[in-house]
Amino acid sequence: MSTTTEGVDLVGEEVVGNLARAALFAALTGVFAYVSFQLPVTSVPFTLQVLGVFLAGVFLGPVWGAASMAIYVAAGAVGAPVFAGGGAGLGSLFGPWGGYLWSYPFAAGVVGLGVHGAGELVDPGDASLARLVGAMAAATLVVYAFGTAGYALVNDVSLATAVLVAAVPFVPAEAIKAAAAVAVVRSDAVVAR
């Protein structure tokens, strides 16, 4: 029996590299989920996961940033303890905070699109501060839209109540995470030069 590989298209190095980077940012987001604690004003846990979402979009762009967060969500769905406080499983995705998790691929895509546009990836260090902050602000709106809608649905509360409980207390923290992401991008730009 002979085997030939002439008609087989192998996966290119670029795809393999992008997949490896996507997996790395998914793992980083899982690590950030372990920074988790309860604020006294809400039942939604505070985590650094959104920082991982921001960084994935900034460094990987819209397609691979979204893919990275899809890998993250899929890993948690099948049982890897990568959600807030080591949570995992479908129960997390359909629980009170599941909307936030579902938003991550979309939010990373929004950040990537805001920073890089729809064409070729650019050096994130060359993106203006306004572009970086605007992309992360838009992504935060995506996260809050999914998260508060999911919170309202699961807890059977009004959308206004969900916004007050599951979004408003986190606005200052999101600003800090965005500032941290900008600092990482700017430090990367300084090191690269």
N, C-alpha and C. Protein backbone atom coordinates (compact mmCIF):
# COMPACT_ATOMS: atom_id res chain seq x y z
N MET A 1 0.85 -1.17 0.00
CA MET A 1 0.00 0.00 0.00
C MET A 1 0.89 1.23 0.00
N SER A 2 0.64 2.13 -0.91
CA SER A 2 1.45 3.34 -0.97
C SER A 2 0.59 4.55 -0.60
N THR A 3 1.25 5.53 -0.04
CA THR A 3 0.57 6.75 0.35
C THR A 3 1.24 7.92 -0.35
N THR A 4 0.43 8.75 -0.99
CA THR A 4 0.98 9.94 -1.62
C THR A 4 0.35 11.18 -1.00
N THR A 5 1.11 12.24 -0.99
CA THR A 5 0.59 13.49 -0.42
C THR A 5 0.49 14.59 -1.45
N GLU A 6 0.62 14.23 -2.73
CA GLU A 6 0.60 15.24 -3.78
C GLU A 6 -0.71 16.01 -3.82
N GLY A 7 -1.82 15.38 -3.56
CA GLY A 7 -3.13 16.03 -3.65
C GLY A 7 -3.63 16.57 -2.32
N VAL A 8 -2.79 16.53 -1.31
CA VAL A 8 -3.23 16.98 0.02
C VAL A 8 -2.74 18.40 0.26
N ASP A 9 -3.66 19.28 0.61
CA ASP A 9 -3.28 20.64 0.97
C ASP A 9 -3.06 20.68 2.48
N LEU A 10 -1.83 20.97 2.85
CA LEU A 10 -1.51 21.08 4.27
C LEU A 10 -1.86 22.47 4.76
N VAL A 11 -2.11 22.59 6.04
CA VAL A 11 -2.41 23.89 6.63
C VAL A 11 -1.14 24.72 6.59
N GLY A 12 -1.27 25.95 6.15
CA GLY A 12 -0.11 26.82 6.02
C GLY A 12 0.42 27.28 7.36
N GLU A 13 1.68 27.71 7.34
CA GLU A 13 2.32 28.20 8.57
C GLU A 13 1.59 29.40 9.15
N GLU A 14 1.05 30.25 8.30
CA GLU A 14 0.35 31.44 8.79
C GLU A 14 -0.87 31.05 9.61
N VAL A 15 -1.63 30.08 9.13
CA VAL A 15 -2.82 29.63 9.86
C VAL A 15 -2.41 28.99 11.19
N VAL A 16 -1.38 28.18 11.16
CA VAL A 16 -0.90 27.54 12.38
C VAL A 16 -0.45 28.59 13.40
N GLY A 17 0.29 29.58 12.93
CA GLY A 17 0.74 30.65 13.82
C GLY A 17 -0.42 31.44 14.40
N ASN A 18 -1.40 31.77 13.56
CA ASN A 18 -2.57 32.51 14.04
C ASN A 18 -3.38 31.69 15.04
N LEU A 19 -3.50 30.40 14.77
CA LEU A 19 -4.23 29.53 15.70
C LEU A 19 -3.50 29.43 17.03
N ALA A 20 -2.18 29.35 16.99
CA ALA A 20 -1.40 29.30 18.23
C ALA A 20 -1.55 30.59 19.02
N ARG A 21 -1.51 31.73 18.33
CA ARG A 21 -1.70 33.02 19.03
C ARG A 21 -3.11 33.14 19.59
N ALA A 22 -4.10 32.66 18.84
CA ALA A 22 -5.48 32.69 19.32
C ALA A 22 -5.63 31.84 20.58
N ALA A 23 -5.02 30.67 20.57
CA ALA A 23 -5.07 29.80 21.75
C ALA A 23 -4.36 30.45 22.94
N LEU A 24 -3.27 31.14 22.67
CA LEU A 24 -2.54 31.83 23.73
C LEU A 24 -3.40 32.91 24.38
N PHE A 25 -4.08 33.72 23.57
CA PHE A 25 -4.94 34.76 24.14
C PHE A 25 -6.17 34.17 24.82
N ALA A 26 -6.66 33.04 24.33
CA ALA A 26 -7.75 32.35 25.03
C ALA A 26 -7.28 31.89 26.41
N ALA A 27 -6.09 31.33 26.47
CA ALA A 27 -5.53 30.90 27.76
C ALA A 27 -5.30 32.08 28.69
N LEU A 28 -4.81 33.18 28.15
CA LEU A 28 -4.59 34.38 28.95
C LEU A 28 -5.90 34.88 29.55
N THR A 29 -6.95 34.86 28.76
CA THR A 29 -8.27 35.28 29.26
C THR A 29 -8.73 34.34 30.36
N GLY A 30 -8.44 33.05 30.22
CA GLY A 30 -8.77 32.09 31.28
C GLY A 30 -8.01 32.38 32.56
N VAL A 31 -6.76 32.79 32.44
CA VAL A 31 -5.98 33.17 33.62
C VAL A 31 -6.58 34.42 34.26
N PHE A 32 -6.95 35.39 33.42
CA PHE A 32 -7.57 36.62 33.93
C PHE A 32 -8.88 36.34 34.66
N ALA A 33 -9.57 35.26 34.31
CA ALA A 33 -10.83 34.92 34.97
C ALA A 33 -10.62 34.55 36.43
N TYR A 34 -9.42 34.12 36.77
CA TYR A 34 -9.14 33.76 38.16
C TYR A 34 -8.98 34.98 39.06
N VAL A 35 -8.80 36.15 38.47
CA VAL A 35 -8.85 37.39 39.25
C VAL A 35 -10.33 37.73 39.35
N SER A 36 -10.98 37.21 40.36
CA SER A 36 -12.43 37.29 40.47
C SER A 36 -12.83 37.55 41.91
N PHE A 37 -13.69 38.54 42.10
CA PHE A 37 -14.25 38.79 43.43
C PHE A 37 -15.59 39.48 43.29
N GLN A 38 -16.38 39.42 44.34
CA GLN A 38 -17.71 40.02 44.36
C GLN A 38 -17.63 41.45 44.86
N LEU A 39 -18.32 42.33 44.17
CA LEU A 39 -18.51 43.69 44.65
C LEU A 39 -19.73 43.69 45.56
N PRO A 40 -19.76 44.53 46.59
CA PRO A 40 -20.91 44.51 47.51
C PRO A 40 -22.22 44.98 46.89
N VAL A 41 -22.18 45.64 45.74
CA VAL A 41 -23.39 46.21 45.16
C VAL A 41 -24.03 45.35 44.07
N THR A 42 -23.43 44.20 43.74
CA THR A 42 -23.96 43.37 42.67
C THR A 42 -23.57 41.91 42.88
N SER A 43 -24.36 41.04 42.27
CA SER A 43 -24.04 39.60 42.34
C SER A 43 -23.14 39.16 41.19
N VAL A 44 -22.89 40.06 40.23
CA VAL A 44 -22.03 39.74 39.09
C VAL A 44 -20.58 39.85 39.56
N PRO A 45 -19.76 38.82 39.32
CA PRO A 45 -18.38 38.89 39.78
C PRO A 45 -17.53 39.85 38.94
N PHE A 46 -16.61 40.51 39.59
CA PHE A 46 -15.62 41.33 38.90
C PHE A 46 -14.49 40.41 38.49
N THR A 47 -14.08 40.49 37.21
CA THR A 47 -12.92 39.71 36.73
C THR A 47 -12.11 40.59 35.77
N LEU A 48 -10.99 40.06 35.36
CA LEU A 48 -10.17 40.74 34.35
C LEU A 48 -10.37 40.15 32.95
N GLN A 49 -11.39 39.33 32.75
CA GLN A 49 -11.61 38.68 31.47
C GLN A 49 -11.69 39.68 30.31
N VAL A 50 -12.36 40.80 30.53
CA VAL A 50 -12.52 41.76 29.45
C VAL A 50 -11.17 42.34 29.01
N LEU A 51 -10.21 42.39 29.90
CA LEU A 51 -8.87 42.80 29.50
C LEU A 51 -8.32 41.82 28.46
N GLY A 52 -8.55 40.54 28.66
CA GLY A 52 -8.14 39.54 27.67
C GLY A 52 -8.86 39.73 26.34
N VAL A 53 -10.14 40.08 26.40
CA VAL A 53 -10.91 40.35 25.18
C VAL A 53 -10.30 41.53 24.43
N PHE A 54 -10.01 42.61 25.16
CA PHE A 54 -9.41 43.79 24.55
C PHE A 54 -8.08 43.44 23.87
N LEU A 55 -7.22 42.74 24.61
CA LEU A 55 -5.89 42.42 24.08
C LEU A 55 -5.96 41.50 22.87
N ALA A 56 -6.88 40.54 22.90
CA ALA A 56 -7.04 39.63 21.76
C ALA A 56 -7.42 40.42 20.51
N GLY A 57 -8.37 41.32 20.63
CA GLY A 57 -8.78 42.12 19.49
C GLY A 57 -7.68 43.03 18.99
N VAL A 58 -6.97 43.66 19.93
CA VAL A 58 -5.91 44.60 19.55
C VAL A 58 -4.77 43.88 18.83
N PHE A 59 -4.32 42.76 19.37
CA PHE A 59 -3.13 42.10 18.83
C PHE A 59 -3.42 41.10 17.71
N LEU A 60 -4.63 40.54 17.68
CA LEU A 60 -4.93 39.51 16.69
C LEU A 60 -5.82 40.00 15.55
N GLY A 61 -6.47 41.14 15.73
CA GLY A 61 -7.37 41.65 14.70
C GLY A 61 -8.77 41.10 14.84
N PRO A 62 -9.67 41.50 13.93
CA PRO A 62 -11.07 41.12 14.09
C PRO A 62 -11.34 39.62 13.94
N VAL A 63 -10.71 38.98 13.00
CA VAL A 63 -11.01 37.56 12.74
C VAL A 63 -10.38 36.67 13.80
N TRP A 64 -9.08 36.78 14.00
CA TRP A 64 -8.42 35.89 14.95
C TRP A 64 -8.68 36.30 16.39
N GLY A 65 -8.96 37.57 16.64
CA GLY A 65 -9.36 37.98 17.98
C GLY A 65 -10.68 37.33 18.36
N ALA A 66 -11.64 37.37 17.44
CA ALA A 66 -12.93 36.71 17.68
C ALA A 66 -12.75 35.20 17.80
N ALA A 67 -11.89 34.62 16.96
CA ALA A 67 -11.64 33.18 17.03
C ALA A 67 -11.03 32.81 18.37
N SER A 68 -10.14 33.65 18.87
CA SER A 68 -9.51 33.40 20.16
C SER A 68 -10.55 33.31 21.27
N MET A 69 -11.48 34.25 21.27
CA MET A 69 -12.51 34.24 22.32
C MET A 69 -13.52 33.12 22.10
N ALA A 70 -13.72 32.71 20.84
CA ALA A 70 -14.57 31.53 20.59
C ALA A 70 -13.90 30.28 21.15
N ILE A 71 -12.58 30.19 21.01
CA ILE A 71 -11.84 29.07 21.60
C ILE A 71 -11.99 29.10 23.12
N TYR A 72 -11.88 30.29 23.70
CA TYR A 72 -12.02 30.45 25.14
C TYR A 72 -13.40 29.97 25.63
N VAL A 73 -14.44 30.45 24.96
CA VAL A 73 -15.82 30.07 25.36
C VAL A 73 -16.03 28.57 25.16
N ALA A 74 -15.55 28.03 24.05
CA ALA A 74 -15.70 26.59 23.79
C ALA A 74 -14.95 25.77 24.83
N ALA A 75 -13.75 26.20 25.20
CA ALA A 75 -12.97 25.47 26.21
C ALA A 75 -13.72 25.43 27.54
N GLY A 76 -14.28 26.56 27.93
CA GLY A 76 -15.05 26.59 29.17
C GLY A 76 -16.32 25.77 29.08
N ALA A 77 -16.97 25.78 27.91
CA ALA A 77 -18.21 25.03 27.73
C ALA A 77 -18.00 23.53 27.88
N VAL A 78 -16.83 23.04 27.44
CA VAL A 78 -16.58 21.60 27.52
C VAL A 78 -15.94 21.18 28.84
N GLY A 79 -15.75 22.14 29.75
CA GLY A 79 -15.30 21.75 31.08
C GLY A 79 -13.98 22.30 31.56
N ALA A 80 -13.24 23.01 30.72
CA ALA A 80 -11.99 23.61 31.20
C ALA A 80 -12.35 24.72 32.20
N PRO A 81 -11.72 24.75 33.35
CA PRO A 81 -12.09 25.73 34.39
C PRO A 81 -11.54 27.13 34.09
N VAL A 82 -12.08 27.77 33.05
CA VAL A 82 -11.54 29.05 32.58
C VAL A 82 -12.48 30.22 32.78
N PHE A 83 -13.65 29.98 33.34
CA PHE A 83 -14.58 31.08 33.58
C PHE A 83 -14.34 31.66 34.97
N ALA A 84 -15.05 32.69 35.32
CA ALA A 84 -14.84 33.41 36.58
C ALA A 84 -14.68 32.46 37.75
N GLY A 85 -13.59 32.63 38.47
CA GLY A 85 -13.35 31.83 39.66
C GLY A 85 -13.16 30.35 39.39
N GLY A 86 -12.80 29.97 38.17
CA GLY A 86 -12.60 28.57 37.85
C GLY A 86 -13.86 27.85 37.40
N GLY A 87 -14.90 28.60 37.08
CA GLY A 87 -16.14 27.98 36.62
C GLY A 87 -15.98 27.37 35.24
N ALA A 88 -16.89 26.46 34.91
CA ALA A 88 -16.85 25.80 33.61
C ALA A 88 -18.21 25.19 33.32
N GLY A 89 -18.39 24.77 32.09
CA GLY A 89 -19.57 24.03 31.70
C GLY A 89 -20.66 24.88 31.09
N LEU A 90 -21.64 24.21 30.52
CA LEU A 90 -22.76 24.89 29.87
C LEU A 90 -23.59 25.69 30.86
N GLY A 91 -23.61 25.25 32.12
CA GLY A 91 -24.36 26.00 33.13
C GLY A 91 -23.86 27.44 33.24
N SER A 92 -22.56 27.63 33.09
CA SER A 92 -22.01 28.99 33.14
C SER A 92 -22.48 29.81 31.95
N LEU A 93 -22.56 29.18 30.78
CA LEU A 93 -22.98 29.90 29.58
C LEU A 93 -24.45 30.27 29.59
N PHE A 94 -25.25 29.50 30.32
CA PHE A 94 -26.68 29.77 30.37
C PHE A 94 -27.13 30.26 31.74
N GLY A 95 -26.16 30.63 32.57
CA GLY A 95 -26.46 31.16 33.89
C GLY A 95 -26.58 32.67 33.87
N PRO A 96 -26.65 33.28 35.04
CA PRO A 96 -26.88 34.73 35.14
C PRO A 96 -25.81 35.58 34.45
N TRP A 97 -24.60 35.08 34.33
CA TRP A 97 -23.51 35.86 33.73
C TRP A 97 -23.12 35.34 32.37
N GLY A 98 -23.87 34.40 31.85
CA GLY A 98 -23.54 33.80 30.56
C GLY A 98 -23.54 34.78 29.40
N GLY A 99 -24.37 35.78 29.45
CA GLY A 99 -24.42 36.76 28.38
C GLY A 99 -23.07 37.44 28.16
N TYR A 100 -22.37 37.66 29.26
CA TYR A 100 -21.04 38.26 29.14
C TYR A 100 -20.12 37.33 28.37
N LEU A 101 -20.14 36.05 28.72
CA LEU A 101 -19.28 35.08 28.04
C LEU A 101 -19.60 34.99 26.55
N TRP A 102 -20.88 34.97 26.21
CA TRP A 102 -21.28 34.89 24.80
C TRP A 102 -20.80 36.11 24.03
N SER A 103 -20.66 37.24 24.71
CA SER A 103 -20.29 38.48 24.02
C SER A 103 -18.82 38.53 23.63
N TYR A 104 -17.98 37.77 24.28
CA TYR A 104 -16.53 37.94 24.11
C TYR A 104 -16.04 37.79 22.68
N PRO A 105 -16.47 36.80 21.91
CA PRO A 105 -15.99 36.74 20.52
C PRO A 105 -16.40 37.98 19.71
N PHE A 106 -17.63 38.44 19.91
CA PHE A 106 -18.11 39.61 19.19
C PHE A 106 -17.34 40.86 19.61
N ALA A 107 -17.13 41.00 20.92
CA ALA A 107 -16.42 42.18 21.43
C ALA A 107 -14.97 42.21 20.95
N ALA A 108 -14.30 41.07 20.94
CA ALA A 108 -12.92 41.02 20.44
C ALA A 108 -12.90 41.38 18.96
N GLY A 109 -13.88 40.93 18.21
CA GLY A 109 -13.99 41.29 16.80
C GLY A 109 -14.18 42.79 16.61
N VAL A 110 -14.99 43.39 17.47
CA VAL A 110 -15.22 44.84 17.40
C VAL A 110 -13.93 45.60 17.70
N VAL A 111 -13.19 45.17 18.72
CA VAL A 111 -11.91 45.82 19.03
C VAL A 111 -10.97 45.69 17.85
N GLY A 112 -10.85 44.48 17.30
CA GLY A 112 -9.97 44.26 16.16
C GLY A 112 -10.35 45.10 14.96
N LEU A 113 -11.64 45.19 14.70
CA LEU A 113 -12.11 45.99 13.57
C LEU A 113 -11.84 47.47 13.82
N GLY A 114 -12.05 47.91 15.05
CA GLY A 114 -11.80 49.31 15.38
C GLY A 114 -10.34 49.70 15.27
N VAL A 115 -9.46 48.81 15.66
CA VAL A 115 -8.02 49.11 15.63
C VAL A 115 -7.43 48.89 14.25
N HIS A 116 -7.81 47.80 13.58
CA HIS A 116 -7.16 47.41 12.33
C HIS A 116 -7.98 47.71 11.08
N GLY A 117 -9.26 47.92 11.22
CA GLY A 117 -10.12 48.05 10.06
C GLY A 117 -10.38 46.68 9.44
N ALA A 118 -10.91 46.67 8.24
CA ALA A 118 -11.28 45.40 7.60
C ALA A 118 -10.17 44.84 6.73
N GLY A 119 -9.08 45.57 6.54
CA GLY A 119 -8.00 45.11 5.67
C GLY A 119 -6.92 44.38 6.43
N GLU A 120 -5.71 44.59 5.99
CA GLU A 120 -4.54 43.98 6.61
C GLU A 120 -4.34 44.50 8.04
N LEU A 121 -3.76 43.67 8.88
CA LEU A 121 -3.48 44.09 10.24
C LEU A 121 -2.40 45.16 10.24
N VAL A 122 -2.55 46.10 11.14
CA VAL A 122 -1.56 47.16 11.30
C VAL A 122 -0.85 46.96 12.62
N ASP A 123 0.25 47.65 12.81
CA ASP A 123 0.94 47.60 14.09
C ASP A 123 0.07 48.33 15.12
N PRO A 124 -0.42 47.64 16.16
CA PRO A 124 -1.29 48.29 17.13
C PRO A 124 -0.64 49.50 17.79
N GLY A 125 0.69 49.49 17.90
CA GLY A 125 1.39 50.62 18.49
C GLY A 125 1.27 51.89 17.66
N ASP A 126 0.94 51.73 16.38
CA ASP A 126 0.76 52.89 15.51
C ASP A 126 -0.66 53.44 15.55
N ALA A 127 -1.59 52.72 16.16
CA ALA A 127 -2.98 53.18 16.25
C ALA A 127 -3.04 54.37 17.20
N SER A 128 -3.87 55.32 16.86
CA SER A 128 -4.01 56.50 17.71
C SER A 128 -4.69 56.11 19.02
N LEU A 129 -4.47 56.92 20.02
CA LEU A 129 -5.12 56.70 21.32
C LEU A 129 -6.64 56.73 21.16
N ALA A 130 -7.13 57.66 20.36
CA ALA A 130 -8.58 57.76 20.15
C ALA A 130 -9.12 56.48 19.50
N ARG A 131 -8.38 55.94 18.57
CA ARG A 131 -8.82 54.71 17.89
C ARG A 131 -8.84 53.53 18.87
N LEU A 132 -7.79 53.40 19.67
CA LEU A 132 -7.73 52.32 20.67
C LEU A 132 -8.87 52.44 21.67
N VAL A 133 -9.03 53.61 22.25
CA VAL A 133 -10.06 53.82 23.27
C VAL A 133 -11.45 53.66 22.67
N GLY A 134 -11.66 54.20 21.47
CA GLY A 134 -12.96 54.06 20.81
C GLY A 134 -13.32 52.61 20.55
N ALA A 135 -12.34 51.83 20.10
CA ALA A 135 -12.58 50.40 19.84
C ALA A 135 -12.95 49.67 21.13
N MET A 136 -12.24 49.98 22.21
CA MET A 136 -12.54 49.31 23.47
C MET A 136 -13.87 49.78 24.07
N ALA A 137 -14.21 51.04 23.87
CA ALA A 137 -15.51 51.53 24.34
C ALA A 137 -16.64 50.84 23.59
N ALA A 138 -16.48 50.69 22.28
CA ALA A 138 -17.50 49.99 21.49
C ALA A 138 -17.62 48.53 21.92
N ALA A 139 -16.48 47.90 22.18
CA ALA A 139 -16.51 46.50 22.64
C ALA A 139 -17.17 46.39 24.01
N THR A 140 -16.93 47.36 24.87
CA THR A 140 -17.57 47.35 26.19
C THR A 140 -19.08 47.43 26.05
N LEU A 141 -19.56 48.23 25.10
CA LEU A 141 -21.00 48.30 24.86
C LEU A 141 -21.55 46.95 24.41
N VAL A 142 -20.78 46.24 23.58
CA VAL A 142 -21.20 44.90 23.15
C VAL A 142 -21.27 43.96 24.35
N VAL A 143 -20.25 43.99 25.19
CA VAL A 143 -20.22 43.13 26.38
C VAL A 143 -21.40 43.45 27.29
N TYR A 144 -21.65 44.72 27.52
CA TYR A 144 -22.78 45.11 28.40
C TYR A 144 -24.13 44.78 27.78
N ALA A 145 -24.26 44.92 26.47
CA ALA A 145 -25.53 44.58 25.82
C ALA A 145 -25.86 43.11 26.00
N PHE A 146 -24.90 42.25 25.69
CA PHE A 146 -25.11 40.81 25.86
C PHE A 146 -25.29 40.47 27.34
N GLY A 147 -24.40 41.02 28.16
CA GLY A 147 -24.39 40.66 29.57
C GLY A 147 -25.65 41.08 30.30
N THR A 148 -26.10 42.31 30.08
CA THR A 148 -27.30 42.76 30.79
C THR A 148 -28.55 42.09 30.25
N ALA A 149 -28.59 41.83 28.94
CA ALA A 149 -29.74 41.11 28.39
C ALA A 149 -29.82 39.70 28.97
N GLY A 150 -28.67 39.02 29.04
CA GLY A 150 -28.65 37.68 29.63
C GLY A 150 -29.02 37.70 31.10
N TYR A 151 -28.49 38.66 31.82
CA TYR A 151 -28.80 38.80 33.25
C TYR A 151 -30.29 39.03 33.46
N ALA A 152 -30.88 39.93 32.66
CA ALA A 152 -32.31 40.22 32.79
C ALA A 152 -33.15 38.99 32.47
N LEU A 153 -32.77 38.26 31.44
CA LEU A 153 -33.53 37.08 31.03
C LEU A 153 -33.47 35.98 32.08
N VAL A 154 -32.27 35.66 32.54
CA VAL A 154 -32.11 34.56 33.51
C VAL A 154 -32.70 34.90 34.86
N ASN A 155 -32.55 36.15 35.29
CA ASN A 155 -33.04 36.55 36.62
C ASN A 155 -34.45 37.11 36.59
N ASP A 156 -35.06 37.17 35.42
CA ASP A 156 -36.43 37.67 35.26
C ASP A 156 -36.60 39.06 35.89
N VAL A 157 -35.70 39.97 35.51
CA VAL A 157 -35.78 41.35 35.96
C VAL A 157 -35.85 42.25 34.73
N SER A 158 -36.22 43.50 34.93
CA SER A 158 -36.29 44.43 33.81
C SER A 158 -34.89 44.73 33.29
N LEU A 159 -34.84 45.17 32.06
CA LEU A 159 -33.55 45.53 31.47
C LEU A 159 -32.93 46.70 32.23
N ALA A 160 -33.75 47.63 32.69
CA ALA A 160 -33.23 48.77 33.46
C ALA A 160 -32.59 48.30 34.75
N THR A 161 -33.21 47.36 35.43
CA THR A 161 -32.63 46.80 36.65
C THR A 161 -31.34 46.08 36.35
N ALA A 162 -31.33 45.33 35.25
CA ALA A 162 -30.12 44.59 34.87
C ALA A 162 -28.97 45.56 34.58
N VAL A 163 -29.25 46.67 33.91
CA VAL A 163 -28.20 47.65 33.63
C VAL A 163 -27.65 48.22 34.93
N LEU A 164 -28.55 48.55 35.86
CA LEU A 164 -28.11 49.12 37.14
C LEU A 164 -27.30 48.13 37.98
N VAL A 165 -27.64 46.86 37.90
CA VAL A 165 -26.98 45.86 38.73
C VAL A 165 -25.77 45.24 38.04
N ALA A 166 -25.89 44.99 36.74
CA ALA A 166 -24.88 44.19 36.05
C ALA A 166 -23.97 44.98 35.11
N ALA A 167 -24.17 46.30 34.99
CA ALA A 167 -23.31 47.08 34.10
C ALA A 167 -22.74 48.32 34.80
N VAL A 168 -23.60 49.14 35.35
CA VAL A 168 -23.17 50.42 35.91
C VAL A 168 -22.04 50.27 36.94
N PRO A 169 -22.11 49.30 37.87
CA PRO A 169 -21.01 49.20 38.85
C PRO A 169 -19.64 48.89 38.24
N PHE A 170 -19.63 48.41 36.99
CA PHE A 170 -18.38 47.97 36.38
C PHE A 170 -17.76 49.01 35.44
N VAL A 171 -18.44 50.11 35.18
CA VAL A 171 -17.92 51.11 34.24
C VAL A 171 -16.53 51.60 34.64
N PRO A 172 -16.30 51.98 35.90
CA PRO A 172 -14.94 52.42 36.25
C PRO A 172 -13.88 51.32 36.02
N ALA A 173 -14.25 50.08 36.32
CA ALA A 173 -13.31 48.97 36.13
C ALA A 173 -12.99 48.76 34.66
N GLU A 174 -14.00 48.93 33.79
CA GLU A 174 -13.75 48.76 32.35
C GLU A 174 -12.81 49.85 31.86
N ALA A 175 -12.95 51.05 32.40
CA ALA A 175 -12.04 52.14 32.01
C ALA A 175 -10.61 51.80 32.43
N ILE A 176 -10.45 51.20 33.59
CA ILE A 176 -9.12 50.80 34.05
C ILE A 176 -8.55 49.68 33.17
N LYS A 177 -9.40 48.73 32.80
CA LYS A 177 -8.95 47.65 31.91
C LYS A 177 -8.54 48.19 30.54
N ALA A 178 -9.31 49.15 30.03
CA ALA A 178 -8.96 49.76 28.74
C ALA A 178 -7.63 50.51 28.86
N ALA A 179 -7.43 51.22 29.97
CA ALA A 179 -6.17 51.92 30.19
C ALA A 179 -5.01 50.93 30.27
N ALA A 180 -5.24 49.80 30.91
CA ALA A 180 -4.19 48.77 31.01
C ALA A 180 -3.87 48.21 29.62
N ALA A 181 -4.90 47.98 28.81
CA ALA A 181 -4.67 47.47 27.45
C ALA A 181 -3.89 48.49 26.63
N VAL A 182 -4.24 49.77 26.75
CA VAL A 182 -3.50 50.81 26.03
C VAL A 182 -2.04 50.83 26.50
N ALA A 183 -1.83 50.70 27.80
CA ALA A 183 -0.46 50.68 28.33
C ALA A 183 0.33 49.51 27.77
N VAL A 184 -0.31 48.34 27.65
CA VAL A 184 0.37 47.18 27.07
C VAL A 184 0.73 47.45 25.61
N VAL A 185 -0.21 48.01 24.86
CA VAL A 185 0.05 48.31 23.45
C VAL A 185 1.18 49.32 23.32
N ARG A 186 1.14 50.36 24.13
CA ARG A 186 2.17 51.40 24.06
C ARG A 186 3.52 50.86 24.53
N SER A 187 3.54 50.00 25.54
CA SER A 187 4.81 49.44 25.99
C SER A 187 5.38 48.51 24.93
N ASP A 188 4.50 47.77 24.24
CA ASP A 188 4.93 46.90 23.16
C ASP A 188 5.53 47.73 22.02
N ALA A 189 4.92 48.87 21.74
CA ALA A 189 5.43 49.74 20.68
C ALA A 189 6.79 50.31 21.06
N VAL A 190 6.98 50.64 22.31
CA VAL A 190 8.26 51.18 22.78
C VAL A 190 9.36 50.11 22.71
N VAL A 191 9.03 48.90 23.13
CA VAL A 191 9.99 47.80 23.11
C VAL A 191 10.36 47.44 21.67
N ALA A 192 9.40 47.46 20.77
CA ALA A 192 9.64 47.09 19.37
C ALA A 192 10.54 48.08 18.66
N ARG A 193 10.57 49.30 19.10
CA ARG A 193 11.37 50.32 18.41
C ARG A 193 12.72 50.37 18.97
